[in-house]
Protein backbone atom coordinates (compact mmCIF):
# COMPACT_ATOMS: atom_id res chain seq x y z
CA MET A 1 -38.23 13.03 -35.76
CA THR A 2 -39.99 10.08 -34.10
CA ASP A 3 -40.60 9.77 -30.41
CA ARG A 4 -37.93 6.70 -30.44
CA ASP A 5 -35.46 8.99 -32.02
CA LYS A 6 -36.00 11.73 -29.27
CA ALA A 7 -35.90 9.05 -26.81
CA LYS A 8 -32.49 7.94 -28.17
CA GLN A 9 -30.96 11.78 -28.26
CA ARG A 10 -32.31 12.32 -24.63
CA THR A 11 -30.35 9.11 -23.72
CA GLN A 12 -27.40 10.07 -25.13
CA MET A 13 -27.57 13.82 -23.90
CA LEU A 14 -28.08 12.14 -20.11
CA LYS A 15 -25.07 9.98 -20.68
CA GLY A 16 -22.83 12.92 -21.88
CA LEU A 17 -23.82 14.97 -18.83
CA ARG A 18 -23.34 12.27 -16.28
CA GLU A 19 -19.83 11.79 -17.75
CA LYS A 20 -19.30 15.44 -17.81
CA HIS A 21 -20.01 15.60 -14.03
CA LYS A 22 -19.01 12.54 -12.31
CA ASP A 23 -16.65 14.02 -10.12
CA THR A 24 -18.95 16.24 -8.84
CA VAL A 25 -21.57 13.55 -8.47
CA THR A 26 -19.10 11.27 -6.85
CA HIS A 27 -18.04 14.02 -4.30
CA ALA A 28 -21.47 15.24 -3.38
CA GLN A 29 -22.20 11.45 -2.67
CA GLU A 30 -19.50 11.03 -0.34
CA ARG A 31 -20.22 14.27 1.59
CA LEU A 32 -23.61 12.95 2.06
CA LYS A 33 -22.59 9.43 3.18
CA ASN A 34 -20.35 11.15 5.56
CA GLN A 35 -23.07 13.43 7.00
CA LYS A 36 -25.19 10.24 7.32
CA LYS A 37 -23.09 8.58 9.32
CA ILE A 38 -22.15 11.72 11.65
CA CYS A 39 -25.74 11.90 12.24
CA ARG A 40 -26.10 8.05 13.33
CA ASP A 41 -22.78 8.34 15.56
CA ILE A 42 -24.97 11.58 17.03
CA HIS A 43 -27.73 9.56 18.05
CA LYS A 44 -25.74 6.77 19.34
CA THR A 45 -23.71 8.94 21.51
CA ILE A 46 -27.04 10.71 22.93
CA LYS A 47 -29.27 7.70 23.04
CA ASP A 48 -29.04 6.81 26.64
CA GLU A 49 -27.80 10.02 28.30
CA PRO A 50 -27.93 13.93 27.10
CA LYS A 51 -25.09 15.38 26.03
CA THR A 52 -23.54 18.73 25.43
CA VAL A 53 -22.15 19.75 22.18
CA PRO A 54 -18.54 19.44 23.82
CA GLU A 55 -19.34 15.98 25.13
CA ILE A 56 -20.48 14.58 21.57
CA ALA A 57 -17.16 16.27 19.76
CA GLU A 58 -15.25 14.60 22.09
CA VAL A 59 -16.86 11.47 22.18
CA LEU A 60 -16.89 11.26 18.29
CA GLY A 61 -13.14 12.94 17.83
CA LEU A 62 -15.23 15.65 15.68
CA GLU A 63 -14.78 19.50 15.84
CA PRO A 64 -17.48 21.34 17.99
CA HIS A 65 -18.94 23.34 14.92
CA VAL A 66 -19.53 19.88 12.82
CA VAL A 67 -21.28 18.54 15.62
CA LEU A 68 -23.19 21.67 16.48
CA TRP A 69 -24.05 22.32 12.48
CA ASN A 70 -25.21 18.48 12.48
CA LEU A 71 -27.09 19.02 15.82
CA THR A 72 -28.68 21.99 14.42
CA ALA A 73 -30.10 19.98 11.26
CA LEU A 74 -31.25 17.22 13.16
CA LYS A 75 -33.07 19.67 15.66
CA LYS A 76 -34.59 21.25 13.02
CA TYR A 77 -36.14 17.92 11.55
CA GLY A 78 -37.19 16.74 14.97
CA SER A 79 -35.24 13.89 15.83
CA VAL A 80 -33.16 15.60 18.60
CA PHE A 81 -34.14 18.08 21.03
CA GLU A 82 -32.79 20.38 23.84
CA ALA A 83 -33.23 18.37 27.51
CA GLY A 84 -31.78 21.28 29.65
CA MET A 85 -28.75 22.88 30.53
CA SER A 86 -25.16 21.67 31.67
CA GLY A 87 -23.28 24.89 32.61
CA GLU A 88 -23.39 27.30 29.51
CA TYR A 89 -24.34 24.53 27.38
CA PHE A 90 -27.56 23.04 26.10
CA LEU A 91 -27.90 19.10 26.44
CA TYR A 92 -29.09 17.23 23.55
CA THR A 93 -31.16 13.98 23.74
CA SER A 94 -32.88 11.71 21.11
CA ALA A 95 -36.07 12.50 20.11
CA GLU A 96 -36.97 8.58 20.69
CA GLU A 97 -35.73 9.16 24.49
CA LYS A 98 -38.47 12.01 24.51
CA ASN A 99 -41.18 9.76 23.36
CA LYS A 100 -40.46 7.29 26.25
């Protein structure tokens, strides 16, 4: 089998896999797009003033657990940080504000 035949065979196999898993790929892309939007919205919400999870959830119309999950990821990668407390809740702000 020549290299060209191997390449054709591989191309056909990849096409078949893409077609077979089309729904899964589409679903994953939609979830990623939604998650990125939520992260952008969180950044916009805490850009000017630190806010708690319940405050962010109220502004964005999301469940608090969704906000907390995304904030945890953003905090892990250093794009948000805790900026004190408000009662029993941490205040979160954008890392951009910290660097000013």
